[in-house]
Amino acid sequence: MPLAKPRKFYWDTCAFIGLLNGEADKQRELEIVYGWARDGKAEIWTSTLSMIECRRIGKESSKQKPMSEDNGKKISDIFRQQFIKPIPMAVDIAEMGRQLWRDTTGLSKYQDAVHLASALRWSIETMHTYDHDDLLHLSDKFDCRNGNKLKICYPDSSTDGELFEHARQKPT
């Protein structure tokens, strides 16, 4: 019996930061998806831009440079897993990202435009992010290169289902 193809997820930088920092409101879902990837059931794709965006752990934002070598290694190591698929920011992605940023209402950060362009270019149909202001509202608004819509969601949509995701996005 042939092995099932692993599910593909695109992670915005905030997912990696949430996992590295063990952020309580993100940790469970991120660890589930990360565990699927570690077990060969999923792949986590991201732009190489995430490697610089994810540059501090925890309280390092208030620390003087140079920063901890141990934390630098933790950051580097997370991107060096065989199930993490880095997407280089090639010219076509940079140009698409710029155009997305210029054309898309509500897309204010160029870094998020690069993430969006990377997922679209490589047809990674599910993007995990916690960026409500810049990305979540763009779900199902763009077609991946393969013609399918890009779903942009919290990781709990993939782990617990859309009902929980919608409840989380619209707190009472």
C-alpha atoms as a PDB file:
ATOM      1  CA  MET A   1       0.000   0.000   0.000  1.00  0.00           C
ATOM      2  CA  PRO A   2       1.547   3.357  -0.999  1.00  0.00           C
ATOM      3  CA  LEU A   3       2.238   5.865   1.730  1.00  0.00           C
ATOM      4  CA  ALA A   4      -0.053   8.875   1.883  1.00  0.00           C
ATOM      5  CA  LYS A   5       1.469  12.132   0.736  1.00  0.00           C
ATOM      6  CA  PRO A   6       2.268  14.404   3.647  1.00  0.00           C
ATOM      7  CA  ARG A   7      -0.037  17.381   4.177  1.00  0.00           C
ATOM      8  CA  LYS A   8       1.602  20.688   3.340  1.00  0.00           C
ATOM      9  CA  PHE A   9       1.322  23.740   5.546  1.00  0.00           C
ATOM     10  CA  TYR A  10       2.887  27.150   5.110  1.00  0.00           C
ATOM     11  CA  TRP A  11       3.956  28.765   8.390  1.00  0.00           C
ATOM     12  CA  ASP A  12       4.217  32.506   8.773  1.00  0.00           C
ATOM     13  CA  THR A  13       7.067  33.530  11.079  1.00  0.00           C
ATOM     14  CA  CYS A  14       4.723  34.059  14.022  1.00  0.00           C
ATOM     15  CA  ALA A  15       4.034  30.306  14.080  1.00  0.00           C
ATOM     16  CA  PHE A  16       7.741  29.532  14.517  1.00  0.00           C
ATOM     17  CA  ILE A  17       8.055  32.226  17.189  1.00  0.00           C
ATOM     18  CA  GLY A  18       5.009  30.842  19.003  1.00  0.00           C
ATOM     19  CA  LEU A  19       6.484  27.335  18.951  1.00  0.00           C
ATOM     20  CA  LEU A  20       9.968  28.425  20.063  1.00  0.00           C
ATOM     21  CA  ASN A  21       8.578  30.572  22.874  1.00  0.00           C
ATOM     22  CA  GLY A  22       6.014  28.004  23.979  1.00  0.00           C
ATOM     23  CA  GLU A  23       3.307  30.691  23.813  1.00  0.00           C
ATOM     24  CA  ALA A  24       0.392  29.238  25.768  1.00  0.00           C
ATOM     25  CA  ASP A  25      -2.332  30.383  23.362  1.00  0.00           C
ATOM     26  CA  LYS A  26      -0.519  28.825  20.380  1.00  0.00           C
ATOM     27  CA  GLN A  27       1.592  25.972  21.718  1.00  0.00           C
ATOM     28  CA  ARG A  28      -0.863  23.054  21.586  1.00  0.00           C
ATOM     29  CA  GLU A  29      -1.898  23.454  17.942  1.00  0.00           C
ATOM     30  CA  LEU A  30       1.626  24.261  16.771  1.00  0.00           C
ATOM     31  CA  GLU A  31       3.029  21.209  18.552  1.00  0.00           C
ATOM     32  CA  ILE A  32       0.356  19.012  16.931  1.00  0.00           C
ATOM     33  CA  VAL A  33       1.255  20.193  13.421  1.00  0.00           C
ATOM     34  CA  TYR A  34       4.986  20.064  14.210  1.00  0.00           C
ATOM     35  CA  GLY A  35       4.493  16.503  15.509  1.00  0.00           C
ATOM     36  CA  TRP A  36       2.697  15.503  12.307  1.00  0.00           C
ATOM     37  CA  ALA A  37       5.661  16.868  10.357  1.00  0.00           C
ATOM     38  CA  ARG A  38       8.188  15.104  12.563  1.00  0.00           C
ATOM     39  CA  ASP A  39       6.234  11.858  11.976  1.00  0.00           C
ATOM     40  CA  GLY A  40       6.264  12.321   8.188  1.00  0.00           C
ATOM     41  CA  LYS A  41       2.535  13.133   7.959  1.00  0.00           C
ATOM     42  CA  ALA A  42       3.092  16.794   7.089  1.00  0.00           C
ATOM     43  CA  GLU A  43       5.625  19.258   5.735  1.00  0.00           C
ATOM     44  CA  ILE A  44       6.035  22.789   6.987  1.00  0.00           C
ATOM     45  CA  TRP A  45       6.976  25.272   4.290  1.00  0.00           C
ATOM     46  CA  THR A  46       8.168  28.825   4.897  1.00  0.00           C
ATOM     47  CA  SER A  47      10.095  31.595   3.212  1.00  0.00           C
ATOM     48  CA  THR A  48      13.773  31.912   4.052  1.00  0.00           C
ATOM     49  CA  LEU A  49      12.710  35.380   5.207  1.00  0.00           C
ATOM     50  CA  SER A  50      11.409  33.623   8.356  1.00  0.00           C
ATOM     51  CA  MET A  51      14.995  32.766   9.254  1.00  0.00           C
ATOM     52  CA  ILE A  52      15.776  36.441   9.901  1.00  0.00           C
ATOM     53  CA  GLU A  53      12.326  37.443  11.135  1.00  0.00           C
ATOM     54  CA  CYS A  54      12.634  34.740  13.799  1.00  0.00           C
ATOM     55  CA  ARG A  55      15.710  36.254  15.413  1.00  0.00           C
ATOM     56  CA  ARG A  56      14.963  36.353  19.166  1.00  0.00           C
ATOM     57  CA  ILE A  57      13.519  33.989  21.733  1.00  0.00           C
ATOM     58  CA  GLY A  58      11.493  35.099  24.712  1.00  0.00           C
ATOM     59  CA  LYS A  59      12.844  38.081  26.541  1.00  0.00           C
ATOM     60  CA  GLU A  60      15.808  38.626  24.221  1.00  0.00           C
ATOM     61  CA  SER A  61      14.167  41.767  22.816  1.00  0.00           C
ATOM     62  CA  SER A  62      15.345  43.601  25.933  1.00  0.00           C
ATOM     63  CA  LYS A  63      18.821  42.015  25.952  1.00  0.00           C
ATOM     64  CA  GLN A  64      22.004  43.659  24.789  1.00  0.00           C
ATOM     65  CA  LYS A  65      23.914  42.198  21.853  1.00  0.00           C
ATOM     66  CA  PRO A  66      25.563  39.816  21.441  1.00  0.00           C
ATOM     67  CA  MET A  67      22.679  37.510  22.244  1.00  0.00           C
ATOM     68  CA  SER A  68      22.787  33.960  23.596  1.00  0.00           C
ATOM     69  CA  GLU A  69      24.500  31.433  21.334  1.00  0.00           C
ATOM     70  CA  ASP A  70      22.241  28.714  22.751  1.00  0.00           C
ATOM     71  CA  ASN A  71      19.100  30.575  21.672  1.00  0.00           C
ATOM     72  CA  GLY A  72      20.652  31.320  18.281  1.00  0.00           C
ATOM     73  CA  LYS A  73      21.242  27.588  17.849  1.00  0.00           C
ATOM     74  CA  LYS A  74      17.637  26.771  18.842  1.00  0.00           C
ATOM     75  CA  ILE A  75      16.393  29.177  16.183  1.00  0.00           C
ATOM     76  CA  SER A  76      18.756  27.809  13.554  1.00  0.00           C
ATOM     77  CA  ASP A  77      17.973  24.194  14.434  1.00  0.00           C
ATOM     78  CA  ILE A  78      14.221  24.563  13.992  1.00  0.00           C
ATOM     79  CA  PHE A  79      14.741  25.568  10.351  1.00  0.00           C
ATOM     80  CA  ARG A  80      17.212  22.716   9.740  1.00  0.00           C
ATOM     81  CA  GLN A  81      14.713  19.877  10.223  1.00  0.00           C
ATOM     82  CA  GLN A  82      14.149  17.688   7.151  1.00  0.00           C
ATOM     83  CA  PHE A  83      10.399  18.359   7.305  1.00  0.00           C
ATOM     84  CA  ILE A  84      10.864  22.146   7.236  1.00  0.00           C
ATOM     85  CA  LYS A  85      10.912  23.230   3.596  1.00  0.00           C
ATOM     86  CA  PRO A  86      12.535  26.651   3.149  1.00  0.00           C
ATOM     87  CA  ILE A  87      11.456  28.625   0.085  1.00  0.00           C
ATOM     88  CA  PRO A  88      14.185  30.948  -1.201  1.00  0.00           C
ATOM     89  CA  MET A  89      13.053  34.467  -2.002  1.00  0.00           C
ATOM     90  CA  ALA A  90      13.684  34.246  -5.724  1.00  0.00           C
ATOM     91  CA  VAL A  91      13.050  37.119  -8.116  1.00  0.00           C
ATOM     92  CA  ASP A  92       9.572  35.873  -9.090  1.00  0.00           C
ATOM     93  CA  ILE A  93       8.506  35.714  -5.435  1.00  0.00           C
ATOM     94  CA  ALA A  94       9.971  39.142  -4.672  1.00  0.00           C
ATOM     95  CA  GLU A  95       8.171  40.680  -7.656  1.00  0.00           C
ATOM     96  CA  MET A  96       4.891  38.921  -6.829  1.00  0.00           C
ATOM     97  CA  GLY A  97       5.212  40.008  -3.186  1.00  0.00           C
ATOM     98  CA  ARG A  98       5.757  43.618  -4.199  1.00  0.00           C
ATOM     99  CA  GLN A  99       2.731  43.526  -6.491  1.00  0.00           C
ATOM    100  CA  LEU A 100       0.569  41.889  -3.821  1.00  0.00           C
ATOM    101  CA  TRP A 101       1.628  44.565  -1.336  1.00  0.00           C
ATOM    102  CA  ARG A 102       0.841  47.341  -3.845  1.00  0.00           C
ATOM    103  CA  ASP A 103      -2.557  45.891  -4.875  1.00  0.00           C
ATOM    104  CA  THR A 104      -4.007  44.328  -1.737  1.00  0.00           C
ATOM    105  CA  THR A 105      -6.036  46.391   0.700  1.00  0.00           C
ATOM    106  CA  GLY A 106      -5.219  45.436   4.268  1.00  0.00           C
ATOM    107  CA  LEU A 107      -1.816  43.938   3.438  1.00  0.00           C
ATOM    108  CA  SER A 108       0.432  46.480   5.128  1.00  0.00           C
ATOM    109  CA  LYS A 109       3.648  44.560   5.868  1.00  0.00           C
ATOM    110  CA  TYR A 110       5.924  43.683   2.974  1.00  0.00           C
ATOM    111  CA  GLN A 111       7.146  40.651   4.940  1.00  0.00           C
ATOM    112  CA  ASP A 112       3.623  39.234   4.902  1.00  0.00           C
ATOM    113  CA  ALA A 113       3.418  39.933   1.165  1.00  0.00           C
ATOM    114  CA  VAL A 114       6.543  37.764   0.740  1.00  0.00           C
ATOM    115  CA  HIS A 115       4.938  34.975   2.803  1.00  0.00           C
ATOM    116  CA  LEU A 116       1.754  35.225   0.754  1.00  0.00           C
ATOM    117  CA  ALA A 117       3.665  35.174  -2.544  1.00  0.00           C
ATOM    118  CA  SER A 118       5.742  32.171  -1.409  1.00  0.00           C
ATOM    119  CA  ALA A 119       2.678  30.110  -0.504  1.00  0.00           C
ATOM    120  CA  LEU A 120       0.925  31.037  -3.758  1.00  0.00           C
ATOM    121  CA  ARG A 121       3.975  30.343  -5.920  1.00  0.00           C
ATOM    122  CA  TRP A 122       4.567  26.894  -4.401  1.00  0.00           C
ATOM    123  CA  SER A 123       0.842  26.021  -4.151  1.00  0.00           C
ATOM    124  CA  ILE A 124       0.910  25.444  -0.407  1.00  0.00           C
ATOM    125  CA  GLU A 125      -2.859  25.653  -0.006  1.00  0.00           C
ATOM    126  CA  THR A 126      -3.009  26.121   3.786  1.00  0.00           C
ATOM    127  CA  MET A 127      -1.147  28.951   5.520  1.00  0.00           C
ATOM    128  CA  HIS A 128      -0.939  29.019   9.307  1.00  0.00           C
ATOM    129  CA  THR A 129      -0.607  32.429  10.902  1.00  0.00           C
ATOM    130  CA  TYR A 130      -1.754  34.454  13.879  1.00  0.00           C
ATOM    131  CA  ASP A 131      -1.585  37.718  11.924  1.00  0.00           C
ATOM    132  CA  HIS A 132      -5.204  38.795  12.073  1.00  0.00           C
ATOM    133  CA  ASP A 133      -4.643  42.319  10.733  1.00  0.00           C
ATOM    134  CA  ASP A 134      -2.525  41.496   7.696  1.00  0.00           C
ATOM    135  CA  LEU A 135      -3.217  37.920   6.583  1.00  0.00           C
ATOM    136  CA  LEU A 136      -6.193  36.087   8.091  1.00  0.00           C
ATOM    137  CA  HIS A 137      -8.741  38.315   6.363  1.00  0.00           C
ATOM    138  CA  LEU A 138      -7.228  37.341   2.995  1.00  0.00           C
ATOM    139  CA  SER A 139      -8.203  33.666   3.218  1.00  0.00           C
ATOM    140  CA  ASP A 140      -9.768  32.280   0.009  1.00  0.00           C
ATOM    141  CA  LYS A 141      -9.055  35.548  -1.859  1.00  0.00           C
ATOM    142  CA  PHE A 142      -6.090  34.290  -3.899  1.00  0.00           C
ATOM    143  CA  ASP A 143      -5.474  31.337  -6.187  1.00  0.00           C
ATOM    144  CA  CYS A 144      -2.356  29.259  -5.775  1.00  0.00           C
ATOM    145  CA  ARG A 145      -0.331  28.509  -8.872  1.00  0.00           C
ATOM    146  CA  ASN A 146      -2.195  25.183  -9.151  1.00  0.00           C
ATOM    147  CA  GLY A 147      -5.539  27.048  -9.331  1.00  0.00           C
ATOM    148  CA  ASN A 148      -6.769  26.162  -5.814  1.00  0.00           C
ATOM    149  CA  LYS A 149      -7.652  28.823  -3.255  1.00  0.00           C
ATOM    150  CA  LEU A 150      -5.200  29.647  -0.485  1.00  0.00           C
ATOM    151  CA  LYS A 151      -6.747  29.108   2.951  1.00  0.00           C
ATOM    152  CA  ILE A 152      -5.172  31.329   5.605  1.00  0.00           C
ATOM    153  CA  CYS A 153      -6.057  30.262   9.128  1.00  0.00           C
ATOM    154  CA  TYR A 154      -4.972  29.657  12.676  1.00  0.00           C
ATOM    155  CA  PRO A 155      -3.369  26.208  13.080  1.00  0.00           C
ATOM    156  CA  ASP A 156      -6.356  25.075  15.143  1.00  0.00           C
ATOM    157  CA  SER A 157      -8.460  25.051  11.969  1.00  0.00           C
ATOM    158  CA  SER A 158      -6.252  22.163  10.813  1.00  0.00           C
ATOM    159  CA  THR A 159      -6.085  20.416  14.185  1.00  0.00           C
ATOM    160  CA  ASP A 160      -9.463  21.027  15.863  1.00  0.00           C
ATOM    161  CA  GLY A 161     -11.630  22.165  12.975  1.00  0.00           C
ATOM    162  CA  GLU A 162     -13.032  25.411  11.680  1.00  0.00           C
ATOM    163  CA  LEU A 163     -15.623  25.805  14.429  1.00  0.00           C
ATOM    164  CA  PHE A 164     -12.893  26.376  17.014  1.00  0.00           C
ATOM    165  CA  GLU A 165     -10.950  28.652  14.687  1.00  0.00           C
ATOM    166  CA  HIS A 166     -13.960  30.904  14.085  1.00  0.00           C
ATOM    167  CA  ALA A 167     -14.735  31.084  17.795  1.00  0.00           C
ATOM    168  CA  ARG A 168     -11.151  32.121  18.448  1.00  0.00           C
ATOM    169  CA  GLN A 169     -11.103  34.780  15.729  1.00  0.00           C
ATOM    170  CA  LYS A 170     -14.330  36.366  16.958  1.00  0.00           C
ATOM    171  CA  PRO A 171     -14.123  36.421  20.751  1.00  0.00           C
ATOM    172  CA  THR A 172     -17.255  37.522  22.596  1.00  0.00           C
END
